[in-house]
């Protein structure tokens, strides 16, 4: 069974983030799902994308052909 990513709700406090900015294309359906997660967790789409990317990178396994 795949490991689940748990996202906690966030308070409204913001601070210095120290991130790089770049552009990425995302499907409309994915944006809609991010919006729903954003509303449910009180986190920005940017925060969620970073959480999900970090989880994916940490749980990625590269296999030889």
PDB file of N, CA and C in Angstrom:
ATOM      1  N   UNK A   1       0.836  -1.182   0.000  1.00  0.00           N
ATOM      2  CA  UNK A   1       0.000   0.000   0.000  1.00  0.00           C
ATOM      3  C   UNK A   1       0.886   1.252   0.000  1.00  0.00           C
ATOM      4  N   UNK A   2       0.517   2.229  -0.811  1.00  0.00           N
ATOM      5  CA  UNK A   2       1.318   3.445  -0.941  1.00  0.00           C
ATOM      6  C   UNK A   2       1.223   4.302   0.309  1.00  0.00           C
ATOM      7  N   UNK A   3       2.313   4.957   0.626  1.00  0.00           N
ATOM      8  CA  UNK A   3       2.354   5.873   1.756  1.00  0.00           C
ATOM      9  C   UNK A   3       1.491   7.093   1.441  1.00  0.00           C
ATOM     10  N   UNK A   4       0.724   7.562   2.397  1.00  0.00           N
ATOM     11  CA  UNK A   4      -0.133   8.734   2.234  1.00  0.00           C
ATOM     12  C   UNK A   4       0.597   9.989   2.679  1.00  0.00           C
ATOM     13  N   UNK A   5       0.311  11.086   1.985  1.00  0.00           N
ATOM     14  CA  UNK A   5       0.849  12.388   2.342  1.00  0.00           C
ATOM     15  C   UNK A   5      -0.169  13.088   3.225  1.00  0.00           C
ATOM     16  N   UNK A   6       0.204  13.408   4.453  1.00  0.00           N
ATOM     17  CA  UNK A   6      -0.686  14.115   5.372  1.00  0.00           C
ATOM     18  C   UNK A   6      -0.353  15.599   5.342  1.00  0.00           C
ATOM     19  N   UNK A   7      -1.380  16.442   5.101  1.00  0.00           N
ATOM     20  CA  UNK A   7      -1.199  17.890   5.065  1.00  0.00           C
ATOM     21  C   UNK A   7      -2.035  18.483   6.187  1.00  0.00           C
ATOM     22  N   UNK A   8      -1.376  19.168   7.102  1.00  0.00           N
ATOM     23  CA  UNK A   8      -2.084  19.780   8.217  1.00  0.00           C
ATOM     24  C   UNK A   8      -2.622  21.150   7.820  1.00  0.00           C
ATOM     25  N   UNK A   9      -3.675  21.575   8.518  1.00  0.00           N
ATOM     26  CA  UNK A   9      -4.181  22.923   8.309  1.00  0.00           C
ATOM     27  C   UNK A   9      -3.174  23.914   8.870  1.00  0.00           C
ATOM     28  N   UNK A  10      -3.117  25.084   8.274  1.00  0.00           N
ATOM     29  CA  UNK A  10      -2.132  26.074   8.657  1.00  0.00           C
ATOM     30  C   UNK A  10      -2.804  27.315   9.222  1.00  0.00           C
ATOM     31  N   UNK A  11      -2.134  27.940  10.166  1.00  0.00           N
ATOM     32  CA  UNK A  11      -2.615  29.215  10.679  1.00  0.00           C
ATOM     33  C   UNK A  11      -2.330  30.294   9.649  1.00  0.00           C
ATOM     34  N   UNK A  12      -2.843  31.493   9.838  1.00  0.00           N
ATOM     35  CA  UNK A  12      -2.678  32.566   8.882  1.00  0.00           C
ATOM     36  C   UNK A  12      -1.352  33.290   8.941  1.00  0.00           C
ATOM     37  N   UNK A  13      -0.393  32.841   9.733  1.00  0.00           N
ATOM     38  CA  UNK A  13       0.887  33.526   9.907  1.00  0.00           C
ATOM     39  C   UNK A  13       1.806  33.227   8.721  1.00  0.00           C
ATOM     40  N   UNK A  14       2.417  34.278   8.143  1.00  0.00           N
ATOM     41  CA  UNK A  14       3.341  34.120   7.021  1.00  0.00           C
ATOM     42  C   UNK A  14       4.708  34.659   7.406  1.00  0.00           C
ATOM     43  N   UNK A  15       5.756  34.150   6.743  1.00  0.00           N
ATOM     44  CA  UNK A  15       7.110  34.621   7.024  1.00  0.00           C
ATOM     45  C   UNK A  15       7.973  34.546   5.784  1.00  0.00           C
ATOM     46  N   UNK A  16       9.259  34.768   5.948  1.00  0.00           N
ATOM     47  CA  UNK A  16      10.209  34.692   4.854  1.00  0.00           C
ATOM     48  C   UNK A  16      10.270  33.257   4.346  1.00  0.00           C
ATOM     49  N   UNK A  17      10.174  33.074   3.022  1.00  0.00           N
ATOM     50  CA  UNK A  17      10.116  31.702   2.516  1.00  0.00           C
ATOM     51  C   UNK A  17      11.410  31.177   1.903  1.00  0.00           C
ATOM     52  N   UNK A  18      12.271  32.039   1.321  1.00  0.00           N
ATOM     53  CA  UNK A  18      13.543  31.594   0.781  1.00  0.00           C
ATOM     54  C   UNK A  18      13.433  30.651  -0.405  1.00  0.00           C
ATOM     55  N   UNK A  19      12.436  30.798  -1.265  1.00  0.00           N
ATOM     56  CA  UNK A  19      12.219  29.929  -2.407  1.00  0.00           C
ATOM     57  C   UNK A  19      12.634  30.599  -3.706  1.00  0.00           C
ATOM     58  N   UNK A  20      12.900  29.808  -4.737  1.00  0.00           N
ATOM     59  CA  UNK A  20      13.147  30.275  -6.099  1.00  0.00           C
ATOM     60  C   UNK A  20      11.814  30.285  -6.849  1.00  0.00           C
ATOM     61  N   UNK A  21      11.683  31.201  -7.795  1.00  0.00           N
ATOM     62  CA  UNK A  21      10.463  31.307  -8.581  1.00  0.00           C
ATOM     63  C   UNK A  21      10.732  30.810  -9.996  1.00  0.00           C
ATOM     64  N   UNK A  22       9.857  29.931 -10.513  1.00  0.00           N
ATOM     65  CA  UNK A  22       9.923  29.518 -11.909  1.00  0.00           C
ATOM     66  C   UNK A  22       8.534  29.116 -12.368  1.00  0.00           C
ATOM     67  N   UNK A  23       8.372  29.039 -13.679  1.00  0.00           N
ATOM     68  CA  UNK A  23       7.069  28.769 -14.275  1.00  0.00           C
ATOM     69  C   UNK A  23       6.897  27.289 -14.578  1.00  0.00           C
ATOM     70  N   UNK A  24       5.673  26.794 -14.416  1.00  0.00           N
ATOM     71  CA  UNK A  24       5.370  25.398 -14.734  1.00  0.00           C
ATOM     72  C   UNK A  24       3.929  25.327 -15.255  1.00  0.00           C
ATOM     73  N   UNK A  25       3.691  24.479 -16.229  1.00  0.00           N
ATOM     74  CA  UNK A  25       2.337  24.293 -16.763  1.00  0.00           C
ATOM     75  C   UNK A  25       1.657  23.170 -15.997  1.00  0.00           C
ATOM     76  N   UNK A  26       0.391  23.407 -15.600  1.00  0.00           N
ATOM     77  CA  UNK A  26      -0.372  22.426 -14.821  1.00  0.00           C
ATOM     78  C   UNK A  26      -1.747  22.278 -15.452  1.00  0.00           C
ATOM     79  N   UNK A  27      -2.232  21.051 -15.527  1.00  0.00           N
ATOM     80  CA  UNK A  27      -3.559  20.785 -16.090  1.00  0.00           C
ATOM     81  C   UNK A  27      -4.636  21.495 -15.279  1.00  0.00           C
ATOM     82  N   UNK A  28      -5.717  21.902 -15.963  1.00  0.00           N
ATOM     83  CA  UNK A  28      -6.844  22.559 -15.297  1.00  0.00           C
ATOM     84  C   UNK A  28      -7.408  21.718 -14.152  1.00  0.00           C
ATOM     85  N   UNK A  29      -7.497  20.410 -14.369  1.00  0.00           N
ATOM     86  CA  UNK A  29      -8.048  19.517 -13.338  1.00  0.00           C
ATOM     87  C   UNK A  29      -7.163  19.502 -12.091  1.00  0.00           C
ATOM     88  N   UNK A  30      -5.850  19.562 -12.306  1.00  0.00           N
ATOM     89  CA  UNK A  30      -4.912  19.577 -11.186  1.00  0.00           C
ATOM     90  C   UNK A  30      -5.028  20.887 -10.415  1.00  0.00           C
ATOM     91  N   UNK A  31      -5.179  21.994 -11.143  1.00  0.00           N
ATOM     92  CA  UNK A  31      -5.347  23.298 -10.487  1.00  0.00           C
ATOM     93  C   UNK A  31      -6.612  23.283  -9.634  1.00  0.00           C
ATOM     94  N   UNK A  32      -7.683  22.704 -10.151  1.00  0.00           N
ATOM     95  CA  UNK A  32      -8.938  22.619  -9.389  1.00  0.00           C
ATOM     96  C   UNK A  32      -8.743  21.802  -8.118  1.00  0.00           C
ATOM     97  N   UNK A  33      -8.005  20.695  -8.217  1.00  0.00           N
ATOM     98  CA  UNK A  33      -7.744  19.876  -7.030  1.00  0.00           C
ATOM     99  C   UNK A  33      -6.878  20.638  -6.033  1.00  0.00           C
ATOM    100  N   UNK A  34      -5.905  21.393  -6.531  1.00  0.00           N
ATOM    101  CA  UNK A  34      -5.069  22.216  -5.643  1.00  0.00           C
ATOM    102  C   UNK A  34      -5.900  23.278  -4.945  1.00  0.00           C
ATOM    103  N   UNK A  35      -6.822  23.904  -5.681  1.00  0.00           N
ATOM    104  CA  UNK A  35      -7.709  24.911  -5.080  1.00  0.00           C
ATOM    105  C   UNK A  35      -8.523  24.298  -3.949  1.00  0.00           C
ATOM    106  N   UNK A  36      -9.057  23.103  -4.169  1.00  0.00           N
ATOM    107  CA  UNK A  36      -9.847  22.423  -3.135  1.00  0.00           C
ATOM    108  C   UNK A  36      -8.992  22.108  -1.910  1.00  0.00           C
ATOM    109  N   UNK A  37      -7.763  21.615  -2.128  1.00  0.00           N
ATOM    110  CA  UNK A  37      -6.857  21.345  -1.009  1.00  0.00           C
ATOM    111  C   UNK A  37      -6.484  22.631  -0.286  1.00  0.00           C
ATOM    112  N   UNK A  38      -6.289  23.689  -1.058  1.00  0.00           N
ATOM    113  CA  UNK A  38      -5.931  24.985  -0.489  1.00  0.00           C
ATOM    114  C   UNK A  38      -7.013  25.480   0.462  1.00  0.00           C
ATOM    115  N   UNK A  39      -8.248  25.396   0.033  1.00  0.00           N
ATOM    116  CA  UNK A  39      -9.374  25.833   0.870  1.00  0.00           C
ATOM    117  C   UNK A  39      -9.508  24.959   2.117  1.00  0.00           C
ATOM    118  N   UNK A  40      -9.316  23.653   1.944  1.00  0.00           N
ATOM    119  CA  UNK A  40      -9.482  22.717   3.061  1.00  0.00           C
ATOM    120  C   UNK A  40      -8.377  22.833   4.104  1.00  0.00           C
ATOM    121  N   UNK A  41      -7.173  23.252   3.682  1.00  0.00           N
ATOM    122  CA  UNK A  41      -6.034  23.265   4.596  1.00  0.00           C
ATOM    123  C   UNK A  41      -5.570  24.667   4.989  1.00  0.00           C
ATOM    124  N   UNK A  42      -6.161  25.692   4.394  1.00  0.00           N
ATOM    125  CA  UNK A  42      -5.755  27.084   4.633  1.00  0.00           C
ATOM    126  C   UNK A  42      -4.290  27.304   4.247  1.00  0.00           C
ATOM    127  N   UNK A  43      -3.854  26.609   3.199  1.00  0.00           N
ATOM    128  CA  UNK A  43      -2.504  26.764   2.667  1.00  0.00           C
ATOM    129  C   UNK A  43      -2.606  27.240   1.221  1.00  0.00           C
ATOM    130  N   UNK A  44      -1.610  27.979   0.766  1.00  0.00           N
ATOM    131  CA  UNK A  44      -1.612  28.458  -0.613  1.00  0.00           C
ATOM    132  C   UNK A  44      -1.308  27.307  -1.574  1.00  0.00           C
ATOM    133  N   UNK A  45      -1.659  27.507  -2.849  1.00  0.00           N
ATOM    134  CA  UNK A  45      -1.312  26.511  -3.859  1.00  0.00           C
ATOM    135  C   UNK A  45       0.199  26.316  -3.883  1.00  0.00           C
ATOM    136  N   UNK A  46       0.945  27.400  -3.758  1.00  0.00           N
ATOM    137  CA  UNK A  46       2.404  27.321  -3.757  1.00  0.00           C
ATOM    138  C   UNK A  46       2.904  26.415  -2.630  1.00  0.00           C
ATOM    139  N   UNK A  47       2.375  26.601  -1.436  1.00  0.00           N
ATOM    140  CA  UNK A  47       2.790  25.758  -0.299  1.00  0.00           C
ATOM    141  C   UNK A  47       2.475  24.297  -0.575  1.00  0.00           C
ATOM    142  N   UNK A  48       1.280  24.046  -1.096  1.00  0.00           N
ATOM    143  CA  UNK A  48       0.877  22.668  -1.368  1.00  0.00           C
ATOM    144  C   UNK A  48       1.757  22.032  -2.433  1.00  0.00           C
ATOM    145  N   UNK A  49       2.056  22.779  -3.497  1.00  0.00           N
ATOM    146  CA  UNK A  49       2.918  22.250  -4.549  1.00  0.00           C
ATOM    147  C   UNK A  49       4.272  21.880  -3.963  1.00  0.00           C
ATOM    148  N   UNK A  50       4.837  22.724  -3.098  1.00  0.00           N
ATOM    149  CA  UNK A  50       6.127  22.426  -2.469  1.00  0.00           C
ATOM    150  C   UNK A  50       6.042  21.202  -1.568  1.00  0.00           C
ATOM    151  N   UNK A  51       4.984  21.087  -0.782  1.00  0.00           N
ATOM    152  CA  UNK A  51       4.802  19.924   0.093  1.00  0.00           C
ATOM    153  C   UNK A  51       4.726  18.648  -0.737  1.00  0.00           C
ATOM    154  N   UNK A  52       3.933  18.688  -1.799  1.00  0.00           N
ATOM    155  CA  UNK A  52       3.739  17.510  -2.645  1.00  0.00           C
ATOM    156  C   UNK A  52       5.021  17.160  -3.393  1.00  0.00           C
ATOM    157  N   UNK A  53       5.738  18.157  -3.913  1.00  0.00           N
ATOM    158  CA  UNK A  53       7.004  17.893  -4.603  1.00  0.00           C
ATOM    159  C   UNK A  53       8.038  17.295  -3.653  1.00  0.00           C
ATOM    160  N   UNK A  54       8.165  17.855  -2.456  1.00  0.00           N
ATOM    161  CA  UNK A  54       9.124  17.323  -1.487  1.00  0.00           C
ATOM    162  C   UNK A  54       8.790  15.880  -1.131  1.00  0.00           C
ATOM    163  N   UNK A  55       7.504  15.591  -0.938  1.00  0.00           N
ATOM    164  CA  UNK A  55       7.075  14.226  -0.633  1.00  0.00           C
ATOM    165  C   UNK A  55       7.436  13.290  -1.789  1.00  0.00           C
ATOM    166  N   UNK A  56       7.155  13.737  -3.016  1.00  0.00           N
ATOM    167  CA  UNK A  56       7.456  12.919  -4.187  1.00  0.00           C
ATOM    168  C   UNK A  56       8.943  12.647  -4.329  1.00  0.00           C
ATOM    169  N   UNK A  57       9.756  13.666  -4.125  1.00  0.00           N
ATOM    170  CA  UNK A  57      11.203  13.499  -4.236  1.00  0.00           C
ATOM    171  C   UNK A  57      11.736  12.553  -3.159  1.00  0.00           C
ATOM    172  N   UNK A  58      11.252  12.722  -1.927  1.00  0.00           N
ATOM    173  CA  UNK A  58      11.710  11.874  -0.828  1.00  0.00           C
ATOM    174  C   UNK A  58      11.243  10.436  -0.979  1.00  0.00           C
ATOM    175  N   UNK A  59      10.163  10.203  -1.698  1.00  0.00           N
ATOM    176  CA  UNK A  59       9.607   8.861  -1.843  1.00  0.00           C
ATOM    177  C   UNK A  59       9.757   8.313  -3.257  1.00  0.00           C
ATOM    178  N   UNK A  60      10.663   8.904  -4.018  1.00  0.00           N
ATOM    179  CA  UNK A  60      10.919   8.482  -5.396  1.00  0.00           C
ATOM    180  C   UNK A  60      11.960   7.370  -5.415  1.00  0.00           C
ATOM    181  N   UNK A  61      11.727   6.387  -6.250  1.00  0.00           N
ATOM    182  CA  UNK A  61      12.667   5.290  -6.399  1.00  0.00           C
ATOM    183  C   UNK A  61      13.001   5.153  -7.874  1.00  0.00           C
ATOM    184  N   UNK A  62      14.277   5.180  -8.207  1.00  0.00           N
ATOM    185  CA  UNK A  62      14.717   5.058  -9.586  1.00  0.00           C
ATOM    186  C   UNK A  62      15.114   3.609  -9.821  1.00  0.00           C
ATOM    187  N   UNK A  63      14.531   3.012 -10.876  1.00  0.00           N
ATOM    188  CA  UNK A  63      14.814   1.621 -11.203  1.00  0.00           C
ATOM    189  C   UNK A  63      15.503   1.535 -12.555  1.00  0.00           C
ATOM    190  N   UNK A  64      16.478   0.644 -12.654  1.00  0.00           N
ATOM    191  CA  UNK A  64      17.125   0.368 -13.938  1.00  0.00           C
ATOM    192  C   UNK A  64      16.170  -0.467 -14.779  1.00  0.00           C
ATOM    193  N   UNK A  65      16.277  -0.304 -16.109  1.00  0.00           N
ATOM    194  CA  UNK A  65      15.418  -1.072 -17.021  1.00  0.00           C
ATOM    195  C   UNK A  65      15.740  -2.528 -16.966  1.00  0.00           C
TER     196      UNK A  65
END
